[in-house]
Amino acid sequence: MIRAIWEKYVCNVSENQISAVLNIAFGAWGACTDADRLRVLTAGEVIQIARKKGIPIEENYAEKHLDRLKKLSPENTPSTLQDLLAGRKTEVEMFAGTILRMGKELGIPTPFNEFLYHAIRVLEAKNEGKIPGFRGGAFS
């Protein structure tokens, strides 16, 4: 049960955040190797943390998960992207914020999640009208 929860967390942290920053739907995972590589690298940080905590997630879990992603409707968009598009706050604290804290605590570098954390916070600030010189509505 714990492993299944962590596997879901791997997916949420990597797929949600990469989709949000790149403004892409699930169809990108099977069609764009660069987008998929970013997903895998981000997932790898979560997997390293899980394994250090004794959770037996396979190191290549994210690569194997691509087959499942390809079966989803390519138009589906993860919740973090949906939130940004609707001008709402995201789950970035629960995703990247938590990974940053755990990585620091365990001595595991998390550069992809650090980038995603700050990038999504900028997009939230943009939606809130806190970015001077930006004209427009919600993230698009």
Protein backbone atom coordinates (compact mmCIF):
# COMPACT_ATOMS: atom_id res chain seq x y z
CA MET A 1 0.00 0.00 0.00
CA ILE A 2 2.77 2.45 0.92
CA ARG A 3 4.60 1.69 -2.33
CA ALA A 4 1.43 2.35 -4.35
CA ILE A 5 0.97 5.71 -2.63
CA TRP A 6 4.58 6.67 -3.41
CA GLU A 7 4.23 5.52 -7.03
CA LYS A 8 1.18 7.79 -7.38
CA TYR A 9 3.20 10.59 -5.79
CA VAL A 10 6.02 10.02 -8.31
CA CYS A 11 3.49 10.48 -11.10
CA ASN A 12 1.87 13.55 -9.56
CA VAL A 13 5.15 15.32 -8.87
CA SER A 14 6.61 14.66 -12.30
CA GLU A 15 3.62 14.66 -14.68
CA ASN A 16 1.63 17.47 -13.04
CA GLN A 17 4.49 19.89 -12.68
CA ILE A 18 6.13 19.33 -16.06
CA SER A 19 2.74 19.60 -17.77
CA ALA A 20 2.01 22.82 -15.90
CA VAL A 21 5.29 24.55 -16.70
CA LEU A 22 5.28 23.47 -20.35
CA ASN A 23 1.49 23.89 -20.80
CA ILE A 24 1.13 20.41 -22.30
CA ALA A 25 -1.46 17.66 -22.00
CA PHE A 26 -0.82 13.95 -21.46
CA GLY A 27 -0.40 13.41 -25.21
CA ALA A 28 3.06 14.95 -24.99
CA TRP A 29 4.47 11.99 -23.06
CA GLY A 30 4.27 9.61 -26.00
CA ALA A 31 4.97 12.18 -28.68
CA CYS A 32 7.84 14.34 -27.40
CA THR A 33 11.00 12.72 -26.10
CA ASP A 34 12.20 15.98 -24.54
CA ALA A 35 9.02 16.39 -22.48
CA ASP A 36 9.18 12.76 -21.45
CA ARG A 37 12.84 13.09 -20.46
CA LEU A 38 11.97 15.99 -18.16
CA ARG A 39 9.21 13.85 -16.62
CA VAL A 40 11.63 10.98 -16.02
CA LEU A 41 14.37 13.19 -14.54
CA THR A 42 11.89 14.84 -12.16
CA ALA A 43 10.44 11.47 -11.18
CA GLY A 44 13.95 10.19 -10.51
CA GLU A 45 14.38 12.66 -7.67
CA VAL A 46 11.20 11.40 -6.01
CA ILE A 47 12.23 7.78 -6.55
CA GLN A 48 15.63 8.40 -4.94
CA ILE A 49 13.94 9.89 -1.89
CA ALA A 50 11.44 7.02 -1.66
CA ARG A 51 14.19 4.42 -1.93
CA LYS A 52 16.24 6.19 0.75
CA LYS A 53 13.16 5.99 2.97
CA GLY A 54 12.95 2.23 2.34
CA ILE A 55 10.10 2.31 -0.19
CA PRO A 56 10.87 -0.36 -2.84
CA ILE A 57 10.11 1.57 -6.02
CA GLU A 58 11.99 0.36 -9.08
CA GLU A 59 14.60 2.85 -10.27
CA ASN A 60 13.14 2.68 -13.79
CA TYR A 61 9.52 3.07 -12.62
CA ALA A 62 9.03 6.33 -14.54
CA GLU A 63 10.31 4.83 -17.80
CA LYS A 64 7.99 1.82 -17.44
CA HIS A 65 5.06 4.11 -16.57
CA LEU A 66 5.18 5.66 -20.06
CA ASP A 67 3.22 2.70 -21.46
CA ARG A 68 0.34 3.53 -19.08
CA LEU A 69 0.48 7.23 -19.99
CA LYS A 70 0.20 6.44 -23.69
CA LYS A 71 -3.14 4.72 -23.01
CA LEU A 72 -4.71 7.89 -21.57
CA SER A 73 -6.59 10.37 -23.69
CA PRO A 74 -3.93 12.70 -25.12
CA GLU A 75 -6.13 15.72 -24.35
CA ASN A 76 -6.25 15.02 -20.60
CA THR A 77 -4.53 17.70 -18.55
CA PRO A 78 -3.16 17.22 -15.05
CA SER A 79 -4.69 19.15 -12.17
CA THR A 80 -1.75 21.53 -11.72
CA LEU A 81 -2.12 22.76 -15.29
CA GLN A 82 -5.89 22.96 -14.85
CA ASP A 83 -5.37 25.12 -11.76
CA LEU A 84 -3.01 27.50 -13.56
CA LEU A 85 -5.33 27.79 -16.55
CA ALA A 86 -8.19 28.65 -14.19
CA GLY A 87 -6.08 31.18 -12.28
CA ARG A 88 -6.09 29.10 -9.07
CA LYS A 89 -3.30 28.23 -6.64
CA THR A 90 -1.64 24.90 -7.36
CA GLU A 91 -0.41 21.93 -5.35
CA VAL A 92 3.22 23.01 -5.81
CA GLU A 93 3.88 23.01 -2.06
CA MET A 94 2.64 19.44 -1.73
CA PHE A 95 4.63 18.35 -4.78
CA ALA A 96 7.94 20.20 -5.26
CA GLY A 97 7.90 21.89 -1.86
CA THR A 98 7.73 18.55 -0.05
CA ILE A 99 10.38 17.00 -2.31
CA LEU A 100 12.70 19.94 -1.68
CA ARG A 101 12.31 19.54 2.10
CA MET A 102 12.77 15.75 2.04
CA GLY A 103 15.72 15.97 -0.35
CA LYS A 104 17.47 18.44 1.93
CA GLU A 105 16.73 16.31 4.98
CA LEU A 106 18.11 13.16 3.29
CA GLY A 107 21.02 14.80 1.43
CA ILE A 108 19.53 14.11 -2.01
CA PRO A 109 19.86 16.87 -4.63
CA THR A 110 16.54 17.90 -6.21
CA PRO A 111 17.42 20.44 -8.93
CA PHE A 112 14.50 19.61 -11.21
CA ASN A 113 11.96 20.00 -8.43
CA GLU A 114 13.65 23.19 -7.28
CA PHE A 115 13.30 24.64 -10.77
CA LEU A 116 9.67 23.49 -11.02
CA TYR A 117 8.85 24.91 -7.59
CA HIS A 118 10.06 28.37 -8.52
CA ALA A 119 8.68 28.25 -12.07
CA ILE A 120 5.18 27.33 -10.87
CA ARG A 121 5.33 30.00 -8.15
CA VAL A 122 6.13 32.56 -10.88
CA LEU A 123 3.15 31.35 -12.93
CA GLU A 124 0.93 31.68 -9.86
CA ALA A 125 2.24 35.21 -9.29
CA LYS A 126 1.55 36.00 -12.93
CA ASN A 127 -2.03 34.81 -12.49
CA GLU A 128 -2.37 36.99 -9.39
CA GLY A 129 -1.25 40.08 -11.30
CA LYS A 130 1.98 40.36 -9.32
CA ILE A 131 4.28 40.40 -12.35
CA PRO A 132 4.80 44.03 -13.49
CA GLY A 133 4.48 44.61 -17.20
CA PHE A 134 2.40 41.50 -17.84
CA ARG A 135 -0.88 42.12 -19.61
CA GLY A 136 -3.37 39.36 -19.93
CA GLY A 137 -5.48 36.94 -18.01
CA ALA A 138 -4.80 33.57 -16.50
CA PHE A 139 -1.89 31.43 -17.54
CA SER A 140 -2.16 30.46 -21.20
